[in-house]
Amino acid sequence: MTAAARLTQPDRPRAVIDAHHHVWDLANDLPWLKHERVPFRYGDYSAICRDYMPVDYRADIAGWPVVGSVYVEAEWARDKAADESRWVAAVSKAEGLPSVVVAWCDPASSDAAALLASHASVSIVRGIRHKPAATSTPTEAKRGAAGSMDDPAWRRGYGLLAQHGLSFDLQTPWWHLDAAADLARDFPATQIVINHTGLPADRSPEALAAWRQALERAAAQPNVALKISGLGLPERPWTMAANAPIIRDAIAIFGLDRTMFASNFPVDSLVGDFDTIFSGFLAATASLPGSDRDRLFHDNARRIYRL
C-alpha cells in the first residue's frame, strides 16, 4: 500500500479479533511443515516451515489492537487431532492467546463421534474445520462424491456437531458452495463459516462472476457466514488493486453481520505482512461508518465464535 493510500484510510478499529490464524511448534507432529511438501495454492511455502508461537504472532500484529483470536487447526497428523486441541488450550492458558480453537475432525470417519466428544471437552474449542472432497476445477465439479458434503456417512457425522454446540469451518473451492448451501438448509442449527472468502483464485471476469453467484447461493442460508482472508495469489504480493473488489463484493453479498476479517497468519505472511493485509481491509471499507467496520474487525467474530 502506498503512503498516499495510508493517509486517506480511516483510523484503525477500536479492537480486532483475528478470526483465523495458527500457531505451531515443530516438536509436534505436523508432517506438511516438517518432512513433507504438499501442493499449495501460494506455491513454495518453505518460509513458514519453522516454529510459529504466540511471541511470533504478537510481533506480527504489533500496532494493531488485537484483543482476541481464533486458532484454526493446522493439519497435525490426523491421528493426533485430539492432542492438537489440548495443546492449543495449554498454549492459550500460558500465553493468553489464541482465545478459542477450531479443531479438526473428518465427519465421515469411524471415530468421529469420539473425536468430537474429546474436542467438546476442551473448554475453548468452538467448532471443527474439515475440507470435504473437492475437485480441482469447476468443470470437474459433481455432486455426491464419497467424502463430500453430500456423502451420507459424512452427513451423519456432521449431524453430531449440534449435539456438542460446535460450529463448522468449511474450506472448499467456491464451486462446491451449492452443496454447502444445501448442507446449511438441512442442518439449520449448525453455524457454517466459509474459510478464505471461498477461494477466488481465478480472477478472470468469468470466474469472478461464478464465484459471486456461488457466494450468493450460500449466503441465502442464514446460518452461513464468511471469513475474508486467504486472498493471496501465487508469487504476487498482496495488493489493494487485486483484493479490494473481492472484499467489497464479499461484504455486499453476505452483509455486515456475517462477514469478518482474518489474517490466516503465518500462512498469508507469504504474500504480505499483517499490517499490509489489515490496512488493506481497512482501506477497502473506508466508506463505511466506524460502527460497521467494528462489526467486520471485531463484533461478528466475537459473536460467532463466542469469545
C-alpha atoms as a PDB file:
ATOM      1  CA  MET A   1       0.000   0.000   0.000  1.00  0.00           C
ATOM      2  CA  THR A   2       1.299   3.449  -0.880  1.00  0.00           C
ATOM      3  CA  ALA A   3       1.875   6.233   1.627  1.00  0.00           C
ATOM      4  CA  ALA A   4      -0.899   8.243  -0.023  1.00  0.00           C
ATOM      5  CA  ALA A   5      -3.355   5.370   0.433  1.00  0.00           C
ATOM      6  CA  ARG A   6      -2.424   5.062   4.113  1.00  0.00           C
ATOM      7  CA  LEU A   7      -3.097   8.770   4.629  1.00  0.00           C
ATOM      8  CA  THR A   8      -6.623   8.510   3.235  1.00  0.00           C
ATOM      9  CA  GLN A   9      -7.756   5.463   5.162  1.00  0.00           C
ATOM     10  CA  PRO A  10      -9.810   5.763   8.369  1.00  0.00           C
ATOM     11  CA  ASP A  11      -8.482   5.283  11.860  1.00  0.00           C
ATOM     12  CA  ARG A  12      -7.773   1.732  12.941  1.00  0.00           C
ATOM     13  CA  PRO A  13     -10.646  -0.029  14.687  1.00  0.00           C
ATOM     14  CA  ARG A  14     -11.009   0.199  18.449  1.00  0.00           C
ATOM     15  CA  ALA A  15     -10.421  -3.564  18.740  1.00  0.00           C
ATOM     16  CA  VAL A  16      -9.690  -6.520  16.480  1.00  0.00           C
ATOM     17  CA  ILE A  17     -10.476 -10.206  16.783  1.00  0.00           C
ATOM     18  CA  ASP A  18      -8.401 -12.087  14.243  1.00  0.00           C
ATOM     19  CA  ALA A  19     -10.869 -14.719  13.070  1.00  0.00           C
ATOM     20  CA  HIS A  20      -8.342 -17.183  11.641  1.00  0.00           C
ATOM     21  CA  HIS A  21      -4.689 -17.830  12.449  1.00  0.00           C
ATOM     22  CA  HIS A  22      -2.337 -20.607  13.503  1.00  0.00           C
ATOM     23  CA  VAL A  23       0.480 -21.235  15.928  1.00  0.00           C
ATOM     24  CA  TRP A  24       2.743 -24.255  15.819  1.00  0.00           C
ATOM     25  CA  ASP A  25       5.750 -25.880  17.396  1.00  0.00           C
ATOM     26  CA  LEU A  26       7.567 -28.265  15.086  1.00  0.00           C
ATOM     27  CA  ALA A  27       8.257 -30.529  18.042  1.00  0.00           C
ATOM     28  CA  ASN A  28       4.672 -31.639  17.412  1.00  0.00           C
ATOM     29  CA  ASP A  29       3.555 -33.880  14.552  1.00  0.00           C
ATOM     30  CA  LEU A  30       2.996 -31.565  11.560  1.00  0.00           C
ATOM     31  CA  PRO A  31       4.159 -33.572   8.527  1.00  0.00           C
ATOM     32  CA  TRP A  32       3.423 -30.866   5.940  1.00  0.00           C
ATOM     33  CA  LEU A  33       5.755 -28.445   7.740  1.00  0.00           C
ATOM     34  CA  LYS A  34       8.484 -30.955   8.534  1.00  0.00           C
ATOM     35  CA  HIS A  35       9.298 -33.866   6.262  1.00  0.00           C
ATOM     36  CA  GLU A  36       6.616 -33.449   3.587  1.00  0.00           C
ATOM     37  CA  ARG A  37       5.838 -30.788   0.997  1.00  0.00           C
ATOM     38  CA  VAL A  38       2.307 -30.660  -0.342  1.00  0.00           C
ATOM     39  CA  PRO A  39       0.812 -28.802  -3.317  1.00  0.00           C
ATOM     40  CA  PHE A  40      -0.075 -25.361  -2.010  1.00  0.00           C
ATOM     41  CA  ARG A  41      -2.065 -22.533  -3.535  1.00  0.00           C
ATOM     42  CA  TYR A  42       0.684 -19.959  -2.855  1.00  0.00           C
ATOM     43  CA  GLY A  43       3.458 -22.141  -4.234  1.00  0.00           C
ATOM     44  CA  ASP A  44       6.656 -22.528  -2.223  1.00  0.00           C
ATOM     45  CA  TYR A  45       5.864 -22.291   1.491  1.00  0.00           C
ATOM     46  CA  SER A  46       9.282 -23.167   2.916  1.00  0.00           C
ATOM     47  CA  ALA A  47       9.477 -19.738   4.621  1.00  0.00           C
ATOM     48  CA  ILE A  48       6.809 -20.775   7.140  1.00  0.00           C
ATOM     49  CA  CYS A  49       8.298 -24.194   7.898  1.00  0.00           C
ATOM     50  CA  ARG A  50       9.530 -23.040  11.296  1.00  0.00           C
ATOM     51  CA  ASP A  51       8.154 -22.657  14.790  1.00  0.00           C
ATOM     52  CA  TYR A  52       5.434 -20.007  14.984  1.00  0.00           C
ATOM     53  CA  MET A  53       4.339 -19.351  18.534  1.00  0.00           C
ATOM     54  CA  PRO A  54       2.411 -16.551  20.276  1.00  0.00           C
ATOM     55  CA  VAL A  55       5.585 -14.474  20.649  1.00  0.00           C
ATOM     56  CA  ASP A  56       5.987 -14.560  16.849  1.00  0.00           C
ATOM     57  CA  TYR A  57       2.327 -13.773  16.238  1.00  0.00           C
ATOM     58  CA  ARG A  58       2.475 -10.826  18.641  1.00  0.00           C
ATOM     59  CA  ALA A  59       5.467  -9.448  16.745  1.00  0.00           C
ATOM     60  CA  ASP A  60       3.482  -9.673  13.505  1.00  0.00           C
ATOM     61  CA  ILE A  61       0.377  -7.923  14.887  1.00  0.00           C
ATOM     62  CA  ALA A  62       2.323  -5.082  16.553  1.00  0.00           C
ATOM     63  CA  GLY A  63       0.466  -1.797  16.199  1.00  0.00           C
ATOM     64  CA  TRP A  64      -2.945  -3.404  15.776  1.00  0.00           C
ATOM     65  CA  PRO A  65      -5.368  -3.679  18.733  1.00  0.00           C
ATOM     66  CA  VAL A  66      -5.843  -7.451  18.573  1.00  0.00           C
ATOM     67  CA  VAL A  67      -7.805  -8.372  21.695  1.00  0.00           C
ATOM     68  CA  GLY A  68      -8.685 -11.928  20.732  1.00  0.00           C
ATOM     69  CA  SER A  69      -8.042 -14.552  18.108  1.00  0.00           C
ATOM     70  CA  VAL A  70      -9.346 -17.795  16.642  1.00  0.00           C
ATOM     71  CA  TYR A  71      -6.917 -20.669  16.194  1.00  0.00           C
ATOM     72  CA  VAL A  72      -7.816 -22.902  13.265  1.00  0.00           C
ATOM     73  CA  GLU A  73      -6.451 -26.433  13.018  1.00  0.00           C
ATOM     74  CA  ALA A  74      -3.016 -26.597  11.431  1.00  0.00           C
ATOM     75  CA  GLU A  75      -3.087 -30.046   9.806  1.00  0.00           C
ATOM     76  CA  TRP A  76      -1.372 -32.036  12.506  1.00  0.00           C
ATOM     77  CA  ALA A  77      -1.042 -35.749  11.753  1.00  0.00           C
ATOM     78  CA  ARG A  78      -4.688 -36.732  11.752  1.00  0.00           C
ATOM     79  CA  ASP A  79      -4.320 -39.381  14.436  1.00  0.00           C
ATOM     80  CA  LYS A  80      -3.123 -36.578  16.734  1.00  0.00           C
ATOM     81  CA  ALA A  81      -6.184 -34.339  16.271  1.00  0.00           C
ATOM     82  CA  ALA A  82      -7.305 -34.684  19.893  1.00  0.00           C
ATOM     83  CA  ASP A  83      -3.791 -33.809  21.051  1.00  0.00           C
ATOM     84  CA  GLU A  84      -3.847 -30.656  18.917  1.00  0.00           C
ATOM     85  CA  SER A  85      -6.855 -29.104  20.623  1.00  0.00           C
ATOM     86  CA  ARG A  86      -5.432 -29.879  24.071  1.00  0.00           C
ATOM     87  CA  TRP A  87      -2.015 -28.485  23.105  1.00  0.00           C
ATOM     88  CA  VAL A  88      -3.522 -25.220  21.875  1.00  0.00           C
ATOM     89  CA  ALA A  89      -5.603 -24.937  25.047  1.00  0.00           C
ATOM     90  CA  ALA A  90      -2.393 -25.245  27.085  1.00  0.00           C
ATOM     91  CA  VAL A  91      -0.695 -22.602  24.934  1.00  0.00           C
ATOM     92  CA  SER A  92      -3.682 -20.321  25.402  1.00  0.00           C
ATOM     93  CA  LYS A  93      -3.593 -20.746  29.163  1.00  0.00           C
ATOM     94  CA  ALA A  94       0.126 -19.978  29.300  1.00  0.00           C
ATOM     95  CA  GLU A  95       0.287 -17.190  26.716  1.00  0.00           C
ATOM     96  CA  GLY A  96      -3.154 -15.557  26.702  1.00  0.00           C
ATOM     97  CA  LEU A  97      -3.851 -16.479  23.086  1.00  0.00           C
ATOM     98  CA  PRO A  98      -5.289 -17.905  20.954  1.00  0.00           C
ATOM     99  CA  SER A  99      -8.643 -17.178  22.571  1.00  0.00           C
ATOM    100  CA  VAL A 100     -10.638 -20.045  21.081  1.00  0.00           C
ATOM    101  CA  VAL A 101      -9.984 -23.097  18.916  1.00  0.00           C
ATOM    102  CA  VAL A 102     -11.428 -24.571  15.744  1.00  0.00           C
ATOM    103  CA  ALA A 103     -10.244 -28.182  15.837  1.00  0.00           C
ATOM    104  CA  TRP A 104     -10.179 -30.877  13.146  1.00  0.00           C
ATOM    105  CA  CYS A 105     -12.450 -33.829  12.535  1.00  0.00           C
ATOM    106  CA  ASP A 106     -13.486 -35.798   9.468  1.00  0.00           C
ATOM    107  CA  PRO A 107     -17.238 -36.281   9.934  1.00  0.00           C
ATOM    108  CA  ALA A 108     -17.153 -39.422   7.780  1.00  0.00           C
ATOM    109  CA  SER A 109     -14.546 -41.206   9.904  1.00  0.00           C
ATOM    110  CA  SER A 110     -15.472 -44.135  12.104  1.00  0.00           C
ATOM    111  CA  ASP A 111     -14.132 -42.349  15.192  1.00  0.00           C
ATOM    112  CA  ALA A 112     -15.861 -39.028  14.513  1.00  0.00           C
ATOM    113  CA  ALA A 113     -18.216 -39.331  17.491  1.00  0.00           C
ATOM    114  CA  ALA A 114     -15.386 -39.995  19.936  1.00  0.00           C
ATOM    115  CA  LEU A 115     -13.175 -37.266  18.496  1.00  0.00           C
ATOM    116  CA  LEU A 116     -15.952 -34.677  18.592  1.00  0.00           C
ATOM    117  CA  ALA A 117     -16.661 -35.569  22.214  1.00  0.00           C
ATOM    118  CA  SER A 118     -12.967 -35.156  23.003  1.00  0.00           C
ATOM    119  CA  HIS A 119     -12.838 -31.748  21.330  1.00  0.00           C
ATOM    120  CA  ALA A 120     -16.026 -30.644  23.057  1.00  0.00           C
ATOM    121  CA  SER A 121     -14.463 -31.446  26.431  1.00  0.00           C
ATOM    122  CA  VAL A 122     -11.821 -28.734  25.825  1.00  0.00           C
ATOM    123  CA  SER A 123     -13.405 -25.538  27.080  1.00  0.00           C
ATOM    124  CA  ILE A 124     -12.055 -23.207  24.389  1.00  0.00           C
ATOM    125  CA  VAL A 125     -12.998 -25.391  21.402  1.00  0.00           C
ATOM    126  CA  ARG A 126     -15.777 -23.739  19.426  1.00  0.00           C
ATOM    127  CA  GLY A 127     -16.006 -25.859  16.307  1.00  0.00           C
ATOM    128  CA  ILE A 128     -14.236 -28.016  13.790  1.00  0.00           C
ATOM    129  CA  ARG A 129     -12.795 -27.466  10.355  1.00  0.00           C
ATOM    130  CA  HIS A 130     -12.824 -30.006   7.566  1.00  0.00           C
ATOM    131  CA  LYS A 131     -12.041 -29.881   3.853  1.00  0.00           C
ATOM    132  CA  PRO A 132     -14.609 -32.159   2.214  1.00  0.00           C
ATOM    133  CA  ALA A 133     -13.812 -33.984  -1.003  1.00  0.00           C
ATOM    134  CA  ALA A 134     -13.460 -31.428  -3.791  1.00  0.00           C
ATOM    135  CA  THR A 135     -12.408 -31.189  -7.406  1.00  0.00           C
ATOM    136  CA  SER A 136      -9.516 -29.135  -8.741  1.00  0.00           C
ATOM    137  CA  THR A 137     -11.580 -27.134 -11.236  1.00  0.00           C
ATOM    138  CA  PRO A 138     -15.200 -26.046 -11.567  1.00  0.00           C
ATOM    139  CA  THR A 139     -15.664 -28.051 -14.761  1.00  0.00           C
ATOM    140  CA  GLU A 140     -14.908 -31.253 -12.831  1.00  0.00           C
ATOM    141  CA  ALA A 141     -17.332 -30.498 -10.015  1.00  0.00           C
ATOM    142  CA  LYS A 142     -20.062 -33.029  -9.372  1.00  0.00           C
ATOM    143  CA  ARG A 143     -22.379 -33.812  -6.520  1.00  0.00           C
ATOM    144  CA  GLY A 144     -22.456 -36.946  -4.396  1.00  0.00           C
ATOM    145  CA  ALA A 145     -18.783 -37.922  -4.229  1.00  0.00           C
ATOM    146  CA  ALA A 146     -17.533 -40.018  -1.314  1.00  0.00           C
ATOM    147  CA  GLY A 147     -16.279 -37.761   1.452  1.00  0.00           C
ATOM    148  CA  SER A 148     -18.168 -34.764   0.105  1.00  0.00           C
ATOM    149  CA  MET A 149     -20.867 -32.718   1.837  1.00  0.00           C
ATOM    150  CA  ASP A 150     -23.437 -34.935   0.082  1.00  0.00           C
ATOM    151  CA  ASP A 151     -21.992 -38.228   1.366  1.00  0.00           C
ATOM    152  CA  PRO A 152     -24.496 -39.823   3.805  1.00  0.00           C
ATOM    153  CA  ALA A 153     -21.669 -41.036   6.066  1.00  0.00           C
ATOM    154  CA  TRP A 154     -20.170 -37.539   6.133  1.00  0.00           C
ATOM    155  CA  ARG A 155     -23.552 -36.028   6.923  1.00  0.00           C
ATOM    156  CA  ARG A 156     -24.168 -38.462   9.779  1.00  0.00           C
ATOM    157  CA  GLY A 157     -21.001 -37.289  11.451  1.00  0.00           C
ATOM    158  CA  TYR A 158     -21.792 -33.672  10.679  1.00  0.00           C
ATOM    159  CA  GLY A 159     -25.141 -34.091  12.422  1.00  0.00           C
ATOM    160  CA  LEU A 160     -23.291 -34.659  15.702  1.00  0.00           C
ATOM    161  CA  LEU A 161     -21.938 -31.103  15.763  1.00  0.00           C
ATOM    162  CA  ALA A 162     -25.214 -29.663  17.005  1.00  0.00           C
ATOM    163  CA  GLN A 163     -25.247 -32.084  19.944  1.00  0.00           C
ATOM    164  CA  HIS A 164     -21.996 -30.529  21.156  1.00  0.00           C
ATOM    165  CA  GLY A 165     -22.837 -26.941  20.218  1.00  0.00           C
ATOM    166  CA  LEU A 166     -19.981 -26.868  17.707  1.00  0.00           C
ATOM    167  CA  SER A 167     -19.771 -24.762  14.554  1.00  0.00           C
ATOM    168  CA  PHE A 168     -18.298 -25.840  11.235  1.00  0.00           C
ATOM    169  CA  ASP A 169     -15.475 -24.064   9.415  1.00  0.00           C
ATOM    170  CA  LEU A 170     -15.699 -25.077   5.777  1.00  0.00           C
ATOM    171  CA  GLN A 171     -12.739 -24.827   3.444  1.00  0.00           C
ATOM    172  CA  THR A 172     -13.751 -25.651  -0.102  1.00  0.00           C
ATOM    173  CA  PRO A 173     -13.500 -24.001  -3.521  1.00  0.00           C
ATOM    174  CA  TRP A 174     -16.440 -21.816  -4.448  1.00  0.00           C
ATOM    175  CA  TRP A 175     -17.722 -24.330  -6.998  1.00  0.00           C
ATOM    176  CA  HIS A 176     -18.800 -26.607  -4.142  1.00  0.00           C
ATOM    177  CA  LEU A 177     -20.794 -23.959  -2.300  1.00  0.00           C
ATOM    178  CA  ASP A 178     -24.034 -25.274  -3.779  1.00  0.00           C
ATOM    179  CA  ALA A 179     -23.505 -28.337  -1.608  1.00  0.00           C
ATOM    180  CA  ALA A 180     -22.704 -26.075   1.351  1.00  0.00           C
ATOM    181  CA  ALA A 181     -25.965 -24.208   0.867  1.00  0.00           C
ATOM    182  CA  ASP A 182     -27.901 -27.466   0.918  1.00  0.00           C
ATOM    183  CA  LEU A 183     -25.984 -28.596   3.993  1.00  0.00           C
ATOM    184  CA  ALA A 184     -26.833 -25.375   5.802  1.00  0.00           C
ATOM    185  CA  ARG A 185     -30.500 -25.729   4.859  1.00  0.00           C
ATOM    186  CA  ASP A 186     -30.648 -29.319   6.079  1.00  0.00           C
ATOM    187  CA  PHE A 187     -28.821 -28.627   9.370  1.00  0.00           C
ATOM    188  CA  PRO A 188     -30.079 -25.162  10.345  1.00  0.00           C
ATOM    189  CA  ALA A 189     -28.878 -25.412  13.960  1.00  0.00           C
ATOM    190  CA  THR A 190     -25.207 -25.589  12.941  1.00  0.00           C
ATOM    191  CA  GLN A 191     -23.290 -22.419  12.120  1.00  0.00           C
ATOM    192  CA  ILE A 192     -21.159 -22.714   8.975  1.00  0.00           C
ATOM    193  CA  VAL A 193     -18.218 -20.371   8.423  1.00  0.00           C
ATOM    194  CA  ILE A 194     -16.770 -20.408   4.910  1.00  0.00           C
ATOM    195  CA  ASN A 195     -12.992 -20.023   5.056  1.00  0.00           C
ATOM    196  CA  HIS A 196     -10.787 -17.824   2.908  1.00  0.00           C
ATOM    197  CA  THR A 197     -13.515 -15.970   1.018  1.00  0.00           C
ATOM    198  CA  GLY A 198     -14.468 -19.113  -0.905  1.00  0.00           C
ATOM    199  CA  LEU A 199     -11.023 -19.311  -2.539  1.00  0.00           C
ATOM    200  CA  PRO A 200     -11.411 -16.963  -5.537  1.00  0.00           C
ATOM    201  CA  ALA A 201      -8.009 -17.842  -7.009  1.00  0.00           C
ATOM    202  CA  ASP A 202      -9.016 -17.289 -10.644  1.00  0.00           C
ATOM    203  CA  ARG A 203      -9.532 -13.555 -11.069  1.00  0.00           C
ATOM    204  CA  SER A 204     -10.853 -13.655 -14.637  1.00  0.00           C
ATOM    205  CA  PRO A 205     -14.194 -11.855 -15.095  1.00  0.00           C
ATOM    206  CA  GLU A 206     -15.948 -15.131 -15.867  1.00  0.00           C
ATOM    207  CA  ALA A 207     -14.580 -16.906 -12.792  1.00  0.00           C
ATOM    208  CA  LEU A 208     -15.374 -13.985 -10.504  1.00  0.00           C
ATOM    209  CA  ALA A 209     -18.939 -13.852 -11.792  1.00  0.00           C
ATOM    210  CA  ALA A 210     -19.313 -17.553 -10.979  1.00  0.00           C
ATOM    211  CA  TRP A 211     -17.683 -17.008  -7.561  1.00  0.00           C
ATOM    212  CA  ARG A 212     -20.194 -14.257  -6.765  1.00  0.00           C
ATOM    213  CA  GLN A 213     -23.101 -16.474  -7.784  1.00  0.00           C
ATOM    214  CA  ALA A 214     -21.776 -19.287  -5.581  1.00  0.00           C
ATOM    215  CA  LEU A 215     -21.445 -16.944  -2.603  1.00  0.00           C
ATOM    216  CA  GLU A 216     -24.958 -15.642  -3.187  1.00  0.00           C
ATOM    217  CA  ARG A 217     -26.354 -19.165  -3.067  1.00  0.00           C
ATOM    218  CA  ALA A 218     -24.568 -19.906   0.211  1.00  0.00           C
ATOM    219  CA  ALA A 219     -25.477 -16.527   1.705  1.00  0.00           C
ATOM    220  CA  ALA A 220     -29.169 -17.248   1.138  1.00  0.00           C
ATOM    221  CA  GLN A 221     -28.930 -19.570   4.156  1.00  0.00           C
ATOM    222  CA  PRO A 222     -28.958 -17.523   7.377  1.00  0.00           C
ATOM    223  CA  ASN A 223     -26.632 -19.898   9.258  1.00  0.00           C
ATOM    224  CA  VAL A 224     -23.703 -19.317   6.861  1.00  0.00           C
ATOM    225  CA  ALA A 225     -21.008 -16.689   7.478  1.00  0.00           C
ATOM    226  CA  LEU A 226     -17.826 -15.805   5.603  1.00  0.00           C
ATOM    227  CA  LYS A 227     -14.247 -15.126   6.640  1.00  0.00           C
ATOM    228  CA  ILE A 228     -12.476 -12.643   4.392  1.00  0.00           C
ATOM    229  CA  SER A 229      -8.939 -13.981   4.335  1.00  0.00           C
ATOM    230  CA  GLY A 230      -6.613 -16.068   2.220  1.00  0.00           C
ATOM    231  CA  LEU A 231      -6.719 -13.638  -0.712  1.00  0.00           C
ATOM    232  CA  GLY A 232      -3.116 -14.063  -1.784  1.00  0.00           C
ATOM    233  CA  LEU A 233      -2.102 -15.049  -5.296  1.00  0.00           C
ATOM    234  CA  PRO A 234       0.942 -17.208  -6.130  1.00  0.00           C
ATOM    235  CA  GLU A 235       4.222 -15.298  -6.341  1.00  0.00           C
ATOM    236  CA  ARG A 236       2.442 -11.937  -6.138  1.00  0.00           C
ATOM    237  CA  PRO A 237       2.313  -9.501  -3.215  1.00  0.00           C
ATOM    238  CA  TRP A 238      -0.971  -8.692  -1.502  1.00  0.00           C
ATOM    239  CA  THR A 239      -2.353  -5.518  -3.097  1.00  0.00           C
ATOM    240  CA  MET A 240      -5.453  -3.357  -2.850  1.00  0.00           C
ATOM    241  CA  ALA A 241      -5.814  -3.394  -6.620  1.00  0.00           C
ATOM    242  CA  ALA A 242      -6.136  -7.173  -6.639  1.00  0.00           C
ATOM    243  CA  ASN A 243      -8.182  -7.631  -3.476  1.00  0.00           C
ATOM    244  CA  ALA A 244     -10.355  -4.600  -2.689  1.00  0.00           C
ATOM    245  CA  PRO A 245     -13.054  -5.551  -5.236  1.00  0.00           C
ATOM    246  CA  ILE A 246     -13.168  -9.080  -3.792  1.00  0.00           C
ATOM    247  CA  ILE A 247     -13.504  -7.721  -0.259  1.00  0.00           C
ATOM    248  CA  ARG A 248     -16.294  -5.324  -1.196  1.00  0.00           C
ATOM    249  CA  ASP A 249     -18.215  -7.924  -3.191  1.00  0.00           C
ATOM    250  CA  ALA A 250     -17.988 -10.430  -0.344  1.00  0.00           C
ATOM    251  CA  ILE A 251     -19.354  -7.905   2.151  1.00  0.00           C
ATOM    252  CA  ALA A 252     -22.129  -6.868  -0.224  1.00  0.00           C
ATOM    253  CA  ILE A 253     -23.205 -10.492  -0.658  1.00  0.00           C
ATOM    254  CA  PHE A 254     -23.019 -11.678   2.954  1.00  0.00           C
ATOM    255  CA  GLY A 255     -23.794  -8.403   4.660  1.00  0.00           C
ATOM    256  CA  LEU A 256     -22.208  -6.580   7.550  1.00  0.00           C
ATOM    257  CA  ASP A 257     -23.342  -9.096  10.181  1.00  0.00           C
ATOM    258  CA  ARG A 258     -21.983 -12.260   8.556  1.00  0.00           C
ATOM    259  CA  THR A 259     -18.521 -11.289   7.352  1.00  0.00           C
ATOM    260  CA  MET A 260     -15.304 -10.963   9.350  1.00  0.00           C
ATOM    261  CA  PHE A 261     -11.673 -10.256   8.681  1.00  0.00           C
ATOM    262  CA  ALA A 262      -8.879 -12.707   9.392  1.00  0.00           C
ATOM    263  CA  SER A 263      -5.127 -12.832   8.853  1.00  0.00           C
ATOM    264  CA  ASN A 264      -4.524 -16.528   8.139  1.00  0.00           C
ATOM    265  CA  PHE A 265      -1.087 -15.976   9.681  1.00  0.00           C
ATOM    266  CA  PRO A 266       1.565 -17.149   9.361  1.00  0.00           C
ATOM    267  CA  VAL A 267       0.421 -18.661   6.060  1.00  0.00           C
ATOM    268  CA  ASP A 268      -0.524 -15.359   4.470  1.00  0.00           C
ATOM    269  CA  SER A 269       2.793 -13.852   5.519  1.00  0.00           C
ATOM    270  CA  LEU A 270       3.914 -15.492   2.275  1.00  0.00           C
ATOM    271  CA  VAL A 271       2.074 -12.741   0.382  1.00  0.00           C
ATOM    272  CA  GLY A 272       2.110  -9.766   2.759  1.00  0.00           C
ATOM    273  CA  ASP A 273       2.816  -8.681   6.305  1.00  0.00           C
ATOM    274  CA  PHE A 274      -0.014  -8.307   8.804  1.00  0.00           C
ATOM    275  CA  ASP A 275      -0.027  -4.524   8.545  1.00  0.00           C
ATOM    276  CA  THR A 276      -0.336  -4.617   4.750  1.00  0.00           C
ATOM    277  CA  ILE A 277      -3.245  -7.038   4.840  1.00  0.00           C
ATOM    278  CA  PHE A 278      -5.183  -5.409   7.669  1.00  0.00           C
ATOM    279  CA  SER A 279      -4.507  -1.926   6.305  1.00  0.00           C
ATOM    280  CA  GLY A 280      -5.936  -3.253   3.057  1.00  0.00           C
ATOM    281  CA  PHE A 281      -9.078  -4.437   4.830  1.00  0.00           C
ATOM    282  CA  LEU A 282      -9.364  -1.010   6.418  1.00  0.00           C
ATOM    283  CA  ALA A 283      -8.870   0.902   3.175  1.00  0.00           C
ATOM    284  CA  ALA A 284     -11.317  -1.347   1.296  1.00  0.00           C
ATOM    285  CA  THR A 285     -14.026  -0.462   3.834  1.00  0.00           C
ATOM    286  CA  ALA A 286     -13.128   3.214   4.251  1.00  0.00           C
ATOM    287  CA  SER A 287     -16.558   4.337   3.042  1.00  0.00           C
ATOM    288  CA  LEU A 288     -18.326   2.516   5.875  1.00  0.00           C
ATOM    289  CA  PRO A 289     -19.194   4.100   9.228  1.00  0.00           C
ATOM    290  CA  GLY A 290     -16.865   3.145  12.060  1.00  0.00           C
ATOM    291  CA  SER A 291     -19.563   1.057  13.745  1.00  0.00           C
ATOM    292  CA  ASP A 292     -19.886  -1.069  10.615  1.00  0.00           C
ATOM    293  CA  ARG A 293     -16.133  -1.598  10.411  1.00  0.00           C
ATOM    294  CA  ASP A 294     -16.209  -2.652  14.069  1.00  0.00           C
ATOM    295  CA  ARG A 295     -18.543  -5.474  13.107  1.00  0.00           C
ATOM    296  CA  LEU A 296     -16.130  -6.716  10.452  1.00  0.00           C
ATOM    297  CA  PHE A 297     -12.978  -6.397  12.545  1.00  0.00           C
ATOM    298  CA  HIS A 298     -14.348  -7.498  15.910  1.00  0.00           C
ATOM    299  CA  ASP A 299     -18.026  -7.867  16.709  1.00  0.00           C
ATOM    300  CA  ASN A 300     -19.024 -10.608  14.282  1.00  0.00           C
ATOM    301  CA  ALA A 301     -16.114 -12.873  15.208  1.00  0.00           C
ATOM    302  CA  ARG A 302     -16.829 -12.316  18.882  1.00  0.00           C
ATOM    303  CA  ARG A 303     -20.466 -13.357  18.416  1.00  0.00           C
ATOM    304  CA  ILE A 304     -19.966 -16.252  16.006  1.00  0.00           C
ATOM    305  CA  TYR A 305     -17.036 -17.794  17.869  1.00  0.00           C
ATOM    306  CA  ARG A 306     -18.422 -16.907  21.314  1.00  0.00           C
ATOM    307  CA  LEU A 307     -15.400 -15.101  22.698  1.00  0.00           C
END
